[in-house]
Protein backbone atom coordinates (compact mmCIF):
# COMPACT_ATOMS: atom_id res chain seq x y z
CA MET A 1 105.20 112.74 48.80
CA GLN A 2 107.12 109.72 47.72
CA LEU A 3 110.80 108.91 48.13
CA ASN A 4 112.30 106.27 45.80
CA LEU A 5 115.77 105.03 46.72
CA THR A 6 117.77 102.98 44.25
CA GLY A 7 121.19 101.46 44.76
CA LYS A 8 123.26 101.03 41.61
CA ASN A 9 125.90 98.36 42.29
CA PHE A 10 125.36 99.31 45.91
CA GLN A 11 123.17 97.75 48.58
CA ILE A 12 121.08 100.23 50.55
CA THR A 13 121.33 99.41 54.23
CA PRO A 14 118.49 100.14 56.66
CA ALA A 15 120.65 102.85 58.28
CA ILE A 16 121.18 104.66 54.96
CA LYS A 17 117.48 104.33 54.15
CA THR A 18 116.51 105.80 57.54
CA HIS A 19 119.04 108.63 57.18
CA SER A 20 117.75 109.47 53.69
CA GLU A 21 114.13 109.44 54.82
CA GLU A 22 114.90 111.77 57.74
CA LYS A 23 116.77 114.26 55.53
CA PHE A 24 114.17 114.27 52.77
CA ASN A 25 111.30 114.54 55.27
CA GLN A 26 112.84 117.83 56.42
CA LEU A 27 112.80 118.94 52.78
CA PHE A 28 109.19 117.79 52.34
CA LYS A 29 108.10 119.75 55.41
CA ARG A 30 109.79 122.90 54.14
CA TYR A 31 108.43 122.66 50.58
CA THR A 32 105.00 121.06 50.64
CA PRO A 33 104.24 120.87 46.89
CA VAL A 34 106.94 118.23 46.30
CA ASN A 35 105.36 115.29 44.47
CA ASN A 36 108.14 112.71 44.52
CA VAL A 37 111.91 112.30 44.68
CA HIS A 38 113.99 109.65 42.96
CA VAL A 39 117.45 109.12 44.46
CA VAL A 40 120.17 106.91 42.99
CA LEU A 41 123.08 105.97 45.25
CA HIS A 42 126.24 104.44 43.80
CA ILE A 43 129.99 104.21 44.27
CA GLU A 44 132.56 105.35 41.67
CA ASN A 45 136.08 104.21 42.53
CA ILE A 46 136.43 105.64 46.05
CA ASP A 47 133.74 108.34 45.77
CA HIS A 48 130.24 107.83 47.10
CA CYS A 49 127.71 109.45 44.76
CA ALA A 50 124.13 110.51 45.29
CA GLU A 51 121.96 111.77 42.45
CA GLY A 52 118.43 113.01 42.88
CA THR A 53 115.54 114.15 40.71
CA LEU A 54 112.75 116.03 42.39
CA HIS A 55 109.33 116.81 40.92
CA PHE A 56 108.28 120.24 42.19
CA HIS A 57 105.58 122.63 40.87
CA GLY A 58 105.42 120.79 37.54
CA THR A 59 109.18 121.01 36.99
CA GLU A 60 112.02 118.58 37.52
CA ILE A 61 115.04 119.59 39.54
CA HIS A 62 118.18 117.47 39.35
CA ALA A 63 121.28 117.51 41.55
CA ALA A 64 124.26 115.26 42.19
CA SER A 65 126.94 115.10 44.85
CA LYS A 66 130.12 113.16 45.51
CA ALA A 67 131.81 112.65 48.86
CA SER A 68 134.06 110.25 50.73
CA ASP A 69 131.08 108.96 52.75
CA MET A 70 127.54 108.11 51.60
CA TYR A 71 125.94 109.99 54.50
CA ILE A 72 127.81 113.16 53.55
CA ALA A 73 126.85 112.70 49.89
CA ILE A 74 123.16 112.41 50.89
CA ASN A 75 123.39 115.53 53.07
CA GLU A 76 125.02 117.51 50.25
CA LEU A 77 122.37 116.28 47.80
CA VAL A 78 119.55 117.47 50.06
CA ASP A 79 121.28 120.85 50.48
CA LYS A 80 121.70 121.26 46.72
CA LEU A 81 118.09 120.32 46.00
CA SER A 82 116.89 122.70 48.72
CA ASP A 83 118.94 125.56 47.25
CA GLN A 84 117.60 124.90 43.75
CA MET A 85 114.03 124.72 45.03
CA HIS A 86 114.49 128.02 46.84
CA LYS A 87 115.84 129.66 43.66
CA HIS A 88 112.94 128.31 41.64
CA LYS A 89 110.44 129.55 44.19
CA GLU A 90 112.05 133.02 44.22
CA LYS A 91 111.90 133.17 40.40
CA MET A 92 108.20 132.33 40.53
CA ILE A 93 107.56 135.06 43.10
CA ASP A 94 109.58 137.64 41.13
CA SER A 95 107.82 136.81 37.86
CA HIS A 96 104.44 137.32 39.54
CA ARG A 97 105.54 140.65 41.00
CA HIS A 98 106.82 142.00 37.67
CA SER A 99 103.94 140.74 35.55
CA SER A 100 101.34 143.04 37.08
C-alpha cells in the first residue's frame, strides 16, 4: 500500500504528512486490497482542497473535499473514500449473491 502526497502550489509540512499517513493507514487497515492512493492538496482562494484517487479491486475511486482547514479537508476526503469503498464492496457482494 502506497500513499503519494502532492502539493499543488502548496508546501506539505511534516505535520500534514503525518496526519495524512495516520488517516490513510486507518483506511488501509480496514480495506486491505488497496493498492495505492494519490492525494493532491491545494488551496483555492480561501478554501483548502484535498483530492484523492484510490486504486481498489482493479477500479479507481475518486473523491474531493473542500474545507476551511487542510486537516478537515483531509479527514473529509478519507471519509468520502471510505464510504465509496464500502458501497463498491457492497455492490460486489450483492452481485455475487444474485448471480447464483
